[in-house]
Amino acid sequence: MNHVIISLLAAALISAPAYADDLTGRLGVGGNVGAAIPTGSKWLRDNAGAGVGEGGWLRYGLDEHWSAALAYDYLGFENAKAGSYIEMITLSGAYNIDPESVWNPTIHAGVGPAGVRSVESGKPTQFGLTTGFGFERFVCPGFSVGTSMDWFYSAKNMAPNHDASALRLGLNVGFWFGGAQAPKKVAETPAPVRAPAPAPKKVEIALDVQFDTDKSEVKTQYDAELSKVADFMKEYPFTRGEIEGHTDNVGGADYNRGLSQRRADAVRQALIDRFHIDATRLTAKGYGQDKPIADNGTEEGRAKNRRVVASFE
């Protein structure tokens, strides 16, 4: 029967899906079974063969690394003249070496009262200890399977042969309850939030907008030009800009300044009305003939000076 149980546990351990688990605040109850191999005393080694070790345990997770356990273990040996055995009740601590691993590698050690029968007269001993290591793999959030190698030692009492020790190579199962955290799985890296790109320190966008003589109406045929400014301001939502109006030197300076102001205002308003640009992000100013970029002495130069520019600082 024990061979069937061991085979089933081994199959579950190999085929279990990949989970890792934080045992913080979780209570586990389980058992183990495996081969018990006598290692001492001399009488036990000479008169007993490998048998079956069985046990049960309660375990509580203190944090992601540490847990405490109370366990009962019974190791019976074959072919012993006096029916040799070791039994222990131990209080132990376990340390999970790598909580992120799906194998949950753990080392543990414990102490407690022990009984041993290893001589003909067989008196119980008083003190035992155990230590070992193992791996635990979670099949689902509340169920684990694992394997471990444990060494048990029961100290001397009176007769020289009353001390005994043995190894157990076994498999175990555990049922887990409570705890605030579900099994850990590989977390997907969230897509980074793309912050708006900073605008260059100074940008000027020249708009090829033509006006009728002495007029300031912005015709819809120039919306493609206005969209250059609108697209820029949407890409850089923290920028503020100024619509500049400029003229050539034909006419009086005051008149030209007023005309350029009206045209700059008209372009600003078209951006607000047609492209829904926040009015607080745009100002307008007419500079008239004060800032030429070409020679007003030629027709070509005067044409270049009659312009509207969106300027961003």
C-alpha atoms as a PDB file:
ATOM      1  CA  MET A   1       0.000   0.000   0.000  1.00  0.00           C
ATOM      2  CA  ASN A   2       2.833   2.408   0.891  1.00  0.00           C
ATOM      3  CA  HIS A   3       4.444   1.738  -2.477  1.00  0.00           C
ATOM      4  CA  VAL A   4       1.219   2.750  -4.221  1.00  0.00           C
ATOM      5  CA  ILE A   5       1.020   5.991  -2.189  1.00  0.00           C
ATOM      6  CA  ILE A   6       4.655   6.843  -2.950  1.00  0.00           C
ATOM      7  CA  SER A   7       4.114   6.208  -6.668  1.00  0.00           C
ATOM      8  CA  LEU A   8       1.051   8.445  -6.762  1.00  0.00           C
ATOM      9  CA  LEU A   9       2.850  11.258  -4.921  1.00  0.00           C
ATOM     10  CA  ALA A  10       5.846  11.012  -7.243  1.00  0.00           C
ATOM     11  CA  ALA A  11       3.581  11.267 -10.291  1.00  0.00           C
ATOM     12  CA  ALA A  12       1.826  14.310  -8.836  1.00  0.00           C
ATOM     13  CA  LEU A  13       5.146  15.981  -8.061  1.00  0.00           C
ATOM     14  CA  ILE A  14       6.445  15.527 -11.608  1.00  0.00           C
ATOM     15  CA  SER A  15       3.243  16.622 -13.370  1.00  0.00           C
ATOM     16  CA  ALA A  16       2.302  19.513 -11.063  1.00  0.00           C
ATOM     17  CA  PRO A  17       1.898  22.900 -12.747  1.00  0.00           C
ATOM     18  CA  ALA A  18       4.296  25.732 -11.978  1.00  0.00           C
ATOM     19  CA  TYR A  19       3.109  27.720  -8.947  1.00  0.00           C
ATOM     20  CA  ALA A  20       5.018  29.588  -6.275  1.00  0.00           C
ATOM     21  CA  ASP A  21       3.355  30.506  -3.038  1.00  0.00           C
ATOM     22  CA  ASP A  22       3.814  32.959  -0.180  1.00  0.00           C
ATOM     23  CA  LEU A  23       2.939  31.042   2.981  1.00  0.00           C
ATOM     24  CA  THR A  24       2.597  34.161   5.134  1.00  0.00           C
ATOM     25  CA  GLY A  25      -0.376  33.703   7.453  1.00  0.00           C
ATOM     26  CA  ARG A  26      -1.279  30.309   5.999  1.00  0.00           C
ATOM     27  CA  LEU A  27      -1.886  27.104   7.966  1.00  0.00           C
ATOM     28  CA  GLY A  28      -0.882  23.794   6.437  1.00  0.00           C
ATOM     29  CA  VAL A  29      -1.672  20.217   7.453  1.00  0.00           C
ATOM     30  CA  GLY A  30      -0.100  17.235   5.764  1.00  0.00           C
ATOM     31  CA  GLY A  31       1.772  14.002   5.910  1.00  0.00           C
ATOM     32  CA  ASN A  32       4.759  12.182   4.488  1.00  0.00           C
ATOM     33  CA  VAL A  33       5.847   8.650   3.704  1.00  0.00           C
ATOM     34  CA  GLY A  34       9.113   7.186   2.471  1.00  0.00           C
ATOM     35  CA  ALA A  35      12.014   4.838   3.015  1.00  0.00           C
ATOM     36  CA  ALA A  36      13.534   4.705   6.526  1.00  0.00           C
ATOM     37  CA  ILE A  37      17.224   3.786   6.505  1.00  0.00           C
ATOM     38  CA  PRO A  38      18.971   3.065   9.856  1.00  0.00           C
ATOM     39  CA  THR A  39      22.321   4.815  10.335  1.00  0.00           C
ATOM     40  CA  GLY A  40      23.018   4.165  14.053  1.00  0.00           C
ATOM     41  CA  SER A  41      23.523   2.879  16.717  1.00  0.00           C
ATOM     42  CA  LYS A  42      25.695  -0.122  15.917  1.00  0.00           C
ATOM     43  CA  TRP A  43      23.023  -2.530  17.158  1.00  0.00           C
ATOM     44  CA  LEU A  44      20.434  -0.883  14.917  1.00  0.00           C
ATOM     45  CA  ARG A  45      22.718  -0.970  11.883  1.00  0.00           C
ATOM     46  CA  ASP A  46      23.620  -4.630  12.472  1.00  0.00           C
ATOM     47  CA  ASN A  47      20.142  -5.939  13.263  1.00  0.00           C
ATOM     48  CA  ALA A  48      17.649  -3.841  11.281  1.00  0.00           C
ATOM     49  CA  GLY A  49      17.093  -3.121   7.620  1.00  0.00           C
ATOM     50  CA  ALA A  50      15.404  -0.312   5.738  1.00  0.00           C
ATOM     51  CA  GLY A  51      11.753   0.129   6.523  1.00  0.00           C
ATOM     52  CA  VAL A  52       9.007   2.699   6.123  1.00  0.00           C
ATOM     53  CA  GLY A  53       8.913   6.134   7.701  1.00  0.00           C
ATOM     54  CA  GLU A  54       5.590   7.920   8.102  1.00  0.00           C
ATOM     55  CA  GLY A  55       4.511  11.137   9.709  1.00  0.00           C
ATOM     56  CA  GLY A  56       2.133  14.051   9.902  1.00  0.00           C
ATOM     57  CA  TRP A  57       2.615  17.788  10.478  1.00  0.00           C
ATOM     58  CA  LEU A  58       1.023  21.141  11.123  1.00  0.00           C
ATOM     59  CA  ARG A  59       2.808  24.191   9.724  1.00  0.00           C
ATOM     60  CA  TYR A  60       2.199  27.934   9.916  1.00  0.00           C
ATOM     61  CA  GLY A  61       3.797  30.577   7.673  1.00  0.00           C
ATOM     62  CA  LEU A  62       5.331  33.445   9.656  1.00  0.00           C
ATOM     63  CA  ASP A  63       6.505  35.390   6.591  1.00  0.00           C
ATOM     64  CA  GLU A  64       7.601  34.609   3.043  1.00  0.00           C
ATOM     65  CA  HIS A  65      10.792  32.907   4.311  1.00  0.00           C
ATOM     66  CA  TRP A  66      10.056  31.477   7.781  1.00  0.00           C
ATOM     67  CA  SER A  67       7.460  29.005   9.035  1.00  0.00           C
ATOM     68  CA  ALA A  68       6.992  26.948  12.210  1.00  0.00           C
ATOM     69  CA  ALA A  69       5.835  23.324  12.353  1.00  0.00           C
ATOM     70  CA  LEU A  70       4.720  20.656  14.823  1.00  0.00           C
ATOM     71  CA  ALA A  71       5.329  17.116  13.567  1.00  0.00           C
ATOM     72  CA  TYR A  72       4.965  13.480  14.546  1.00  0.00           C
ATOM     73  CA  ASP A  73       7.220  10.915  12.830  1.00  0.00           C
ATOM     74  CA  TYR A  74       7.446   7.132  13.132  1.00  0.00           C
ATOM     75  CA  LEU A  75      10.271   5.179  11.483  1.00  0.00           C
ATOM     76  CA  GLY A  76       9.899   1.403  11.591  1.00  0.00           C
ATOM     77  CA  PHE A  77      12.713  -0.944  10.514  1.00  0.00           C
ATOM     78  CA  GLU A  78      12.481  -4.373   8.881  1.00  0.00           C
ATOM     79  CA  ASN A  79      14.127  -7.608  10.108  1.00  0.00           C
ATOM     80  CA  ALA A  80      14.870  -6.215  13.572  1.00  0.00           C
ATOM     81  CA  LYS A  81      14.977  -8.825  16.337  1.00  0.00           C
ATOM     82  CA  ALA A  82      13.163  -6.600  18.779  1.00  0.00           C
ATOM     83  CA  GLY A  83      11.033  -4.639  16.291  1.00  0.00           C
ATOM     84  CA  SER A  84      13.194  -1.532  16.284  1.00  0.00           C
ATOM     85  CA  TYR A  85      11.678   1.878  15.671  1.00  0.00           C
ATOM     86  CA  ILE A  86      12.218   5.600  16.235  1.00  0.00           C
ATOM     87  CA  GLU A  87       9.332   7.925  16.981  1.00  0.00           C
ATOM     88  CA  MET A  88       9.462  11.668  17.627  1.00  0.00           C
ATOM     89  CA  ILE A  89       7.309  14.683  18.313  1.00  0.00           C
ATOM     90  CA  THR A  90       9.204  17.786  17.226  1.00  0.00           C
ATOM     91  CA  LEU A  91       8.754  21.524  17.117  1.00  0.00           C
ATOM     92  CA  SER A  92      10.714  22.849  14.169  1.00  0.00           C
ATOM     93  CA  GLY A  93      11.451  25.909  12.071  1.00  0.00           C
ATOM     94  CA  ALA A  94      11.672  25.942   8.278  1.00  0.00           C
ATOM     95  CA  TYR A  95      13.360  28.473   6.015  1.00  0.00           C
ATOM     96  CA  ASN A  96      12.264  28.922   2.406  1.00  0.00           C
ATOM     97  CA  ILE A  97      15.457  29.734   0.498  1.00  0.00           C
ATOM     98  CA  ASP A  98      13.766  31.187  -2.579  1.00  0.00           C
ATOM     99  CA  PRO A  99      10.088  32.168  -2.153  1.00  0.00           C
ATOM    100  CA  GLU A 100       9.833  33.095  -5.851  1.00  0.00           C
ATOM    101  CA  SER A 101      10.810  29.608  -7.017  1.00  0.00           C
ATOM    102  CA  VAL A 102       8.033  27.241  -8.094  1.00  0.00           C
ATOM    103  CA  TRP A 103       9.947  24.478  -6.247  1.00  0.00           C
ATOM    104  CA  ASN A 104       9.973  26.325  -2.884  1.00  0.00           C
ATOM    105  CA  PRO A 105      13.337  24.892  -1.645  1.00  0.00           C
ATOM    106  CA  THR A 106      13.328  24.650   2.157  1.00  0.00           C
ATOM    107  CA  ILE A 107      15.706  23.669   4.959  1.00  0.00           C
ATOM    108  CA  HIS A 108      14.374  22.773   8.399  1.00  0.00           C
ATOM    109  CA  ALA A 109      15.428  21.642  11.889  1.00  0.00           C
ATOM    110  CA  GLY A 110      13.564  20.740  15.069  1.00  0.00           C
ATOM    111  CA  VAL A 111      13.764  19.239  18.551  1.00  0.00           C
ATOM    112  CA  GLY A 112      11.413  17.366  20.836  1.00  0.00           C
ATOM    113  CA  PRO A 113      10.741  14.197  22.866  1.00  0.00           C
ATOM    114  CA  ALA A 114      11.693  10.924  21.215  1.00  0.00           C
ATOM    115  CA  GLY A 115      11.223   7.239  21.768  1.00  0.00           C
ATOM    116  CA  VAL A 116      13.456   4.462  20.431  1.00  0.00           C
ATOM    117  CA  ARG A 117      13.568   0.675  20.596  1.00  0.00           C
ATOM    118  CA  SER A 118      16.943  -0.513  19.430  1.00  0.00           C
ATOM    119  CA  VAL A 119      18.006  -3.171  21.977  1.00  0.00           C
ATOM    120  CA  GLU A 120      16.422  -6.259  23.445  1.00  0.00           C
ATOM    121  CA  SER A 121      15.386  -4.482  26.673  1.00  0.00           C
ATOM    122  CA  GLY A 122      14.379  -1.348  24.676  1.00  0.00           C
ATOM    123  CA  LYS A 123      13.869   1.595  27.062  1.00  0.00           C
ATOM    124  CA  PRO A 124      12.626   4.880  25.596  1.00  0.00           C
ATOM    125  CA  THR A 125      15.022   7.779  25.284  1.00  0.00           C
ATOM    126  CA  GLN A 126      14.252  11.360  26.279  1.00  0.00           C
ATOM    127  CA  PHE A 127      15.438  13.732  23.568  1.00  0.00           C
ATOM    128  CA  GLY A 128      15.514  13.828  19.780  1.00  0.00           C
ATOM    129  CA  LEU A 129      16.303  16.158  16.971  1.00  0.00           C
ATOM    130  CA  THR A 130      15.725  16.238  13.240  1.00  0.00           C
ATOM    131  CA  THR A 131      17.073  18.239  10.328  1.00  0.00           C
ATOM    132  CA  GLY A 132      16.781  18.096   6.567  1.00  0.00           C
ATOM    133  CA  PHE A 133      15.863  19.796   3.351  1.00  0.00           C
ATOM    134  CA  GLY A 134      13.212  19.432   0.694  1.00  0.00           C
ATOM    135  CA  PHE A 135      11.211  20.914  -2.138  1.00  0.00           C
ATOM    136  CA  GLU A 136       7.548  21.824  -2.264  1.00  0.00           C
ATOM    137  CA  ARG A 137       5.568  22.313  -5.475  1.00  0.00           C
ATOM    138  CA  PHE A 138       2.037  23.704  -5.467  1.00  0.00           C
ATOM    139  CA  VAL A 139      -0.446  21.870  -7.660  1.00  0.00           C
ATOM    140  CA  CYS A 140      -3.071  24.534  -6.888  1.00  0.00           C
ATOM    141  CA  PRO A 141      -3.333  27.348  -4.309  1.00  0.00           C
ATOM    142  CA  GLY A 142      -4.401  24.985  -1.510  1.00  0.00           C
ATOM    143  CA  PHE A 143      -2.525  21.768  -2.272  1.00  0.00           C
ATOM    144  CA  SER A 144       1.175  20.978  -2.445  1.00  0.00           C
ATOM    145  CA  VAL A 145       3.314  17.933  -3.110  1.00  0.00           C
ATOM    146  CA  GLY A 146       6.987  17.634  -2.331  1.00  0.00           C
ATOM    147  CA  THR A 147      10.018  15.582  -1.535  1.00  0.00           C
ATOM    148  CA  SER A 148      12.451  15.703   1.377  1.00  0.00           C
ATOM    149  CA  MET A 149      15.428  14.051   3.002  1.00  0.00           C
ATOM    150  CA  ASP A 150      15.358  14.086   6.815  1.00  0.00           C
ATOM    151  CA  TRP A 151      17.809  12.855   9.423  1.00  0.00           C
ATOM    152  CA  PHE A 152      16.457  11.787  12.830  1.00  0.00           C
ATOM    153  CA  TYR A 153      18.538  11.354  15.962  1.00  0.00           C
ATOM    154  CA  SER A 154      17.385  10.066  19.328  1.00  0.00           C
ATOM    155  CA  ALA A 155      19.895  10.695  22.114  1.00  0.00           C
ATOM    156  CA  LYS A 156      21.244   8.243  24.710  1.00  0.00           C
ATOM    157  CA  ASN A 157      19.443   7.690  27.975  1.00  0.00           C
ATOM    158  CA  MET A 158      21.021   4.970  30.106  1.00  0.00           C
ATOM    159  CA  ALA A 159      22.134   1.974  28.092  1.00  0.00           C
ATOM    160  CA  PRO A 160      24.945   2.606  25.575  1.00  0.00           C
ATOM    161  CA  ASN A 161      22.870   1.412  22.626  1.00  0.00           C
ATOM    162  CA  HIS A 162      19.827   3.539  23.353  1.00  0.00           C
ATOM    163  CA  ASP A 163      20.874   6.250  20.912  1.00  0.00           C
ATOM    164  CA  ALA A 164      19.651   5.760  17.357  1.00  0.00           C
ATOM    165  CA  SER A 165      19.603   7.649  14.078  1.00  0.00           C
ATOM    166  CA  ALA A 166      18.088   7.170  10.659  1.00  0.00           C
ATOM    167  CA  LEU A 167      17.470   8.830   7.297  1.00  0.00           C
ATOM    168  CA  ARG A 168      14.078   9.126   5.680  1.00  0.00           C
ATOM    169  CA  LEU A 169      13.810   9.732   1.933  1.00  0.00           C
ATOM    170  CA  GLY A 170      10.202  10.605   1.403  1.00  0.00           C
ATOM    171  CA  LEU A 171       7.398  12.348  -0.387  1.00  0.00           C
ATOM    172  CA  ASN A 172       4.817  14.573   1.237  1.00  0.00           C
ATOM    173  CA  VAL A 173       1.500  16.301   0.612  1.00  0.00           C
ATOM    174  CA  GLY A 174       0.055  19.402   2.217  1.00  0.00           C
ATOM    175  CA  PHE A 175      -3.297  21.169   2.386  1.00  0.00           C
ATOM    176  CA  TRP A 176      -3.170  24.932   2.978  1.00  0.00           C
ATOM    177  CA  PHE A 177      -5.733  27.312   4.405  1.00  0.00           C
ATOM    178  CA  GLY A 178      -6.061  31.054   4.935  1.00  0.00           C
ATOM    179  CA  GLY A 179      -3.537  33.735   4.123  1.00  0.00           C
ATOM    180  CA  ALA A 180      -4.022  37.020   2.320  1.00  0.00           C
ATOM    181  CA  GLN A 181      -2.078  36.231  -0.833  1.00  0.00           C
ATOM    182  CA  ALA A 182      -2.904  33.977  -3.746  1.00  0.00           C
ATOM    183  CA  PRO A 183      -0.190  31.942  -5.485  1.00  0.00           C
ATOM    184  CA  LYS A 184       2.362  34.066  -7.239  1.00  0.00           C
ATOM    185  CA  LYS A 185       2.528  33.902 -10.995  1.00  0.00           C
ATOM    186  CA  VAL A 186       4.873  35.669 -13.325  1.00  0.00           C
ATOM    187  CA  ALA A 187       3.605  39.226 -13.451  1.00  0.00           C
ATOM    188  CA  GLU A 188       3.107  40.864 -16.775  1.00  0.00           C
ATOM    189  CA  THR A 189       5.086  44.049 -17.170  1.00  0.00           C
ATOM    190  CA  PRO A 190       2.588  46.850 -17.603  1.00  0.00           C
ATOM    191  CA  ALA A 191       2.998  49.024 -20.635  1.00  0.00           C
ATOM    192  CA  PRO A 192       4.771  52.219 -19.620  1.00  0.00           C
ATOM    193  CA  VAL A 193       2.622  55.300 -19.481  1.00  0.00           C
ATOM    194  CA  ARG A 194       3.823  57.559 -22.245  1.00  0.00           C
ATOM    195  CA  ALA A 195       4.349  61.045 -20.915  1.00  0.00           C
ATOM    196  CA  PRO A 196       3.848  63.919 -23.343  1.00  0.00           C
ATOM    197  CA  ALA A 197       7.101  64.727 -25.066  1.00  0.00           C
ATOM    198  CA  PRO A 198       8.620  68.088 -24.174  1.00  0.00           C
ATOM    199  CA  ALA A 199       8.443  70.651 -26.935  1.00  0.00           C
ATOM    200  CA  PRO A 200      11.626  72.141 -28.370  1.00  0.00           C
ATOM    201  CA  LYS A 201      12.656  75.363 -26.643  1.00  0.00           C
ATOM    202  CA  LYS A 202      11.604  77.584 -29.557  1.00  0.00           C
ATOM    203  CA  VAL A 203       9.405  76.730 -32.525  1.00  0.00           C
ATOM    204  CA  GLU A 204       8.048  78.929 -35.272  1.00  0.00           C
ATOM    205  CA  ILE A 205       5.434  77.708 -37.728  1.00  0.00           C
ATOM    206  CA  ALA A 206       4.964  79.937 -40.781  1.00  0.00           C
ATOM    207  CA  LEU A 207       1.403  79.848 -42.123  1.00  0.00           C
ATOM    208  CA  ASP A 208       0.742  80.342 -45.817  1.00  0.00           C
ATOM    209  CA  VAL A 209      -2.512  82.214 -45.237  1.00  0.00           C
ATOM    210  CA  GLN A 210      -3.573  84.867 -47.774  1.00  0.00           C
ATOM    211  CA  PHE A 211      -5.995  87.671 -46.979  1.00  0.00           C
ATOM    212  CA  ASP A 212      -8.095  89.852 -49.250  1.00  0.00           C
ATOM    213  CA  THR A 213      -6.968  93.464 -49.473  1.00  0.00           C
ATOM    214  CA  ASP A 214      -7.555  95.271 -46.207  1.00  0.00           C
ATOM    215  CA  LYS A 215      -9.412  92.193 -44.872  1.00  0.00           C
ATOM    216  CA  SER A 216      -8.749  89.834 -41.947  1.00  0.00           C
ATOM    217  CA  GLU A 217     -11.103  86.905 -42.709  1.00  0.00           C
ATOM    218  CA  VAL A 218      -9.390  83.476 -42.618  1.00  0.00           C
ATOM    219  CA  LYS A 219     -10.931  81.403 -45.390  1.00  0.00           C
ATOM    220  CA  THR A 220     -11.565  77.682 -44.817  1.00  0.00           C
ATOM    221  CA  GLN A 221      -9.329  76.849 -47.762  1.00  0.00           C
ATOM    222  CA  TYR A 222      -6.398  77.543 -45.414  1.00  0.00           C
ATOM    223  CA  ASP A 223      -7.471  74.994 -42.751  1.00  0.00           C
ATOM    224  CA  ALA A 224      -4.658  72.686 -43.828  1.00  0.00           C
ATOM    225  CA  GLU A 225      -2.206  75.413 -42.857  1.00  0.00           C
ATOM    226  CA  LEU A 226      -3.950  76.000 -39.532  1.00  0.00           C
ATOM    227  CA  SER A 227      -3.839  72.262 -38.786  1.00  0.00           C
ATOM    228  CA  LYS A 228      -0.038  72.492 -38.582  1.00  0.00           C
ATOM    229  CA  VAL A 229      -0.418  74.608 -35.456  1.00  0.00           C
ATOM    230  CA  ALA A 230      -3.309  72.545 -34.063  1.00  0.00           C
ATOM    231  CA  ASP A 231      -1.425  69.257 -34.476  1.00  0.00           C
ATOM    232  CA  PHE A 232       1.681  70.682 -32.823  1.00  0.00           C
ATOM    233  CA  MET A 233      -0.294  71.955 -29.834  1.00  0.00           C
ATOM    234  CA  LYS A 234      -2.060  68.598 -29.405  1.00  0.00           C
ATOM    235  CA  GLU A 235       1.238  66.719 -29.518  1.00  0.00           C
ATOM    236  CA  TYR A 236       2.735  69.050 -26.902  1.00  0.00           C
ATOM    237  CA  PRO A 237      -0.213  69.779 -24.590  1.00  0.00           C
ATOM    238  CA  PHE A 238       1.773  71.963 -22.171  1.00  0.00           C
ATOM    239  CA  THR A 239       2.917  74.513 -24.735  1.00  0.00           C
ATOM    240  CA  ARG A 240       1.586  78.049 -25.096  1.00  0.00           C
ATOM    241  CA  GLY A 241       2.002  80.096 -28.227  1.00  0.00           C
ATOM    242  CA  GLU A 242       1.542  83.478 -29.869  1.00  0.00           C
ATOM    243  CA  ILE A 243       0.039  84.159 -33.281  1.00  0.00           C
ATOM    244  CA  GLU A 244       2.127  86.933 -34.841  1.00  0.00           C
ATOM    245  CA  GLY A 245       0.823  89.181 -37.587  1.00  0.00           C
ATOM    246  CA  HIS A 246       3.318  90.985 -39.884  1.00  0.00           C
ATOM    247  CA  THR A 247       3.022  93.352 -42.873  1.00  0.00           C
ATOM    248  CA  ASP A 248       5.232  95.067 -45.402  1.00  0.00           C
ATOM    249  CA  ASN A 249       5.979  98.796 -45.211  1.00  0.00           C
ATOM    250  CA  VAL A 250       3.344  99.920 -47.650  1.00  0.00           C
ATOM    251  CA  GLY A 251       1.000 102.242 -45.796  1.00  0.00           C
ATOM    252  CA  GLY A 252       1.334 103.923 -42.443  1.00  0.00           C
ATOM    253  CA  ALA A 253       2.989 102.149 -39.543  1.00  0.00           C
ATOM    254  CA  ASP A 254      -0.039 102.539 -37.247  1.00  0.00           C
ATOM    255  CA  TYR A 255      -2.402 101.278 -39.916  1.00  0.00           C
ATOM    256  CA  ASN A 256      -0.225  98.277 -40.656  1.00  0.00           C
ATOM    257  CA  ARG A 257       0.055  97.449 -36.965  1.00  0.00           C
ATOM    258  CA  GLY A 258      -3.722  97.513 -36.599  1.00  0.00           C
ATOM    259  CA  LEU A 259      -4.241  95.400 -39.724  1.00  0.00           C
ATOM    260  CA  SER A 260      -1.697  92.824 -38.578  1.00  0.00           C
ATOM    261  CA  GLN A 261      -3.381  92.675 -35.159  1.00  0.00           C
ATOM    262  CA  ARG A 262      -6.779  91.972 -36.731  1.00  0.00           C
ATOM    263  CA  ARG A 263      -5.334  89.226 -38.918  1.00  0.00           C
ATOM    264  CA  ALA A 264      -3.462  87.631 -35.979  1.00  0.00           C
ATOM    265  CA  ASP A 265      -6.695  87.721 -33.948  1.00  0.00           C
ATOM    266  CA  ALA A 266      -8.570  86.088 -36.815  1.00  0.00           C
ATOM    267  CA  VAL A 267      -6.079  83.222 -37.104  1.00  0.00           C
ATOM    268  CA  ARG A 268      -6.160  82.648 -33.327  1.00  0.00           C
ATOM    269  CA  GLN A 269      -9.958  82.556 -33.328  1.00  0.00           C
ATOM    270  CA  ALA A 270     -10.030  80.136 -36.259  1.00  0.00           C
ATOM    271  CA  LEU A 271      -7.781  77.737 -34.326  1.00  0.00           C
ATOM    272  CA  ILE A 272     -10.075  77.974 -31.300  1.00  0.00           C
ATOM    273  CA  ASP A 273     -13.335  77.570 -33.241  1.00  0.00           C
ATOM    274  CA  ARG A 274     -12.330  75.056 -35.904  1.00  0.00           C
ATOM    275  CA  PHE A 275      -9.714  72.977 -34.064  1.00  0.00           C
ATOM    276  CA  HIS A 276     -10.898  73.355 -30.465  1.00  0.00           C
ATOM    277  CA  ILE A 277      -7.611  74.717 -29.160  1.00  0.00           C
ATOM    278  CA  ASP A 278      -7.850  75.985 -25.577  1.00  0.00           C
ATOM    279  CA  ALA A 279      -8.130  79.762 -25.790  1.00  0.00           C
ATOM    280  CA  THR A 280      -5.888  80.203 -22.742  1.00  0.00           C
ATOM    281  CA  ARG A 281      -2.975  78.642 -24.653  1.00  0.00           C
ATOM    282  CA  LEU A 282      -2.909  81.181 -27.491  1.00  0.00           C
ATOM    283  CA  THR A 283      -2.375  84.913 -27.676  1.00  0.00           C
ATOM    284  CA  ALA A 284      -2.262  87.172 -30.749  1.00  0.00           C
ATOM    285  CA  LYS A 285      -0.170  90.226 -31.494  1.00  0.00           C
ATOM    286  CA  GLY A 286       0.219  92.425 -34.567  1.00  0.00           C
ATOM    287  CA  TYR A 287       3.740  93.695 -35.190  1.00  0.00           C
ATOM    288  CA  GLY A 288       2.917  95.540 -38.421  1.00  0.00           C
ATOM    289  CA  GLN A 289       6.049  96.383 -40.365  1.00  0.00           C
ATOM    290  CA  ASP A 290       8.372  96.313 -37.346  1.00  0.00           C
ATOM    291  CA  LYS A 291       9.916  92.844 -37.954  1.00  0.00           C
ATOM    292  CA  PRO A 292      10.661  92.355 -41.637  1.00  0.00           C
ATOM    293  CA  ILE A 293      12.443  89.196 -42.732  1.00  0.00           C
ATOM    294  CA  ALA A 294      13.187  90.404 -46.270  1.00  0.00           C
ATOM    295  CA  ASP A 295      13.899  93.608 -48.191  1.00  0.00           C
ATOM    296  CA  ASN A 296      10.821  95.787 -48.450  1.00  0.00           C
ATOM    297  CA  GLY A 297      12.425  97.464 -51.484  1.00  0.00           C
ATOM    298  CA  THR A 298      11.378  94.586 -53.772  1.00  0.00           C
ATOM    299  CA  GLU A 299       8.017  92.988 -54.473  1.00  0.00           C
ATOM    300  CA  GLU A 300       9.412  89.596 -53.584  1.00  0.00           C
ATOM    301  CA  GLY A 301      10.704  90.886 -50.259  1.00  0.00           C
ATOM    302  CA  ARG A 302       7.412  92.634 -49.435  1.00  0.00           C
ATOM    303  CA  ALA A 303       5.518  89.371 -50.139  1.00  0.00           C
ATOM    304  CA  LYS A 304       7.722  87.534 -47.629  1.00  0.00           C
ATOM    305  CA  ASN A 305       7.121  90.211 -44.999  1.00  0.00           C
ATOM    306  CA  ARG A 306       3.314  89.890 -45.308  1.00  0.00           C
ATOM    307  CA  ARG A 307       3.043  86.806 -43.132  1.00  0.00           C
ATOM    308  CA  VAL A 308       1.402  85.095 -40.128  1.00  0.00           C
ATOM    309  CA  VAL A 309       3.612  83.023 -37.795  1.00  0.00           C
ATOM    310  CA  ALA A 310       2.752  80.819 -34.826  1.00  0.00           C
ATOM    311  CA  SER A 311       5.580  81.214 -32.319  1.00  0.00           C
ATOM    312  CA  PHE A 312       6.120  78.894 -29.323  1.00  0.00           C
ATOM    313  CA  GLU A 313       8.610  79.476 -26.526  1.00  0.00           C
END
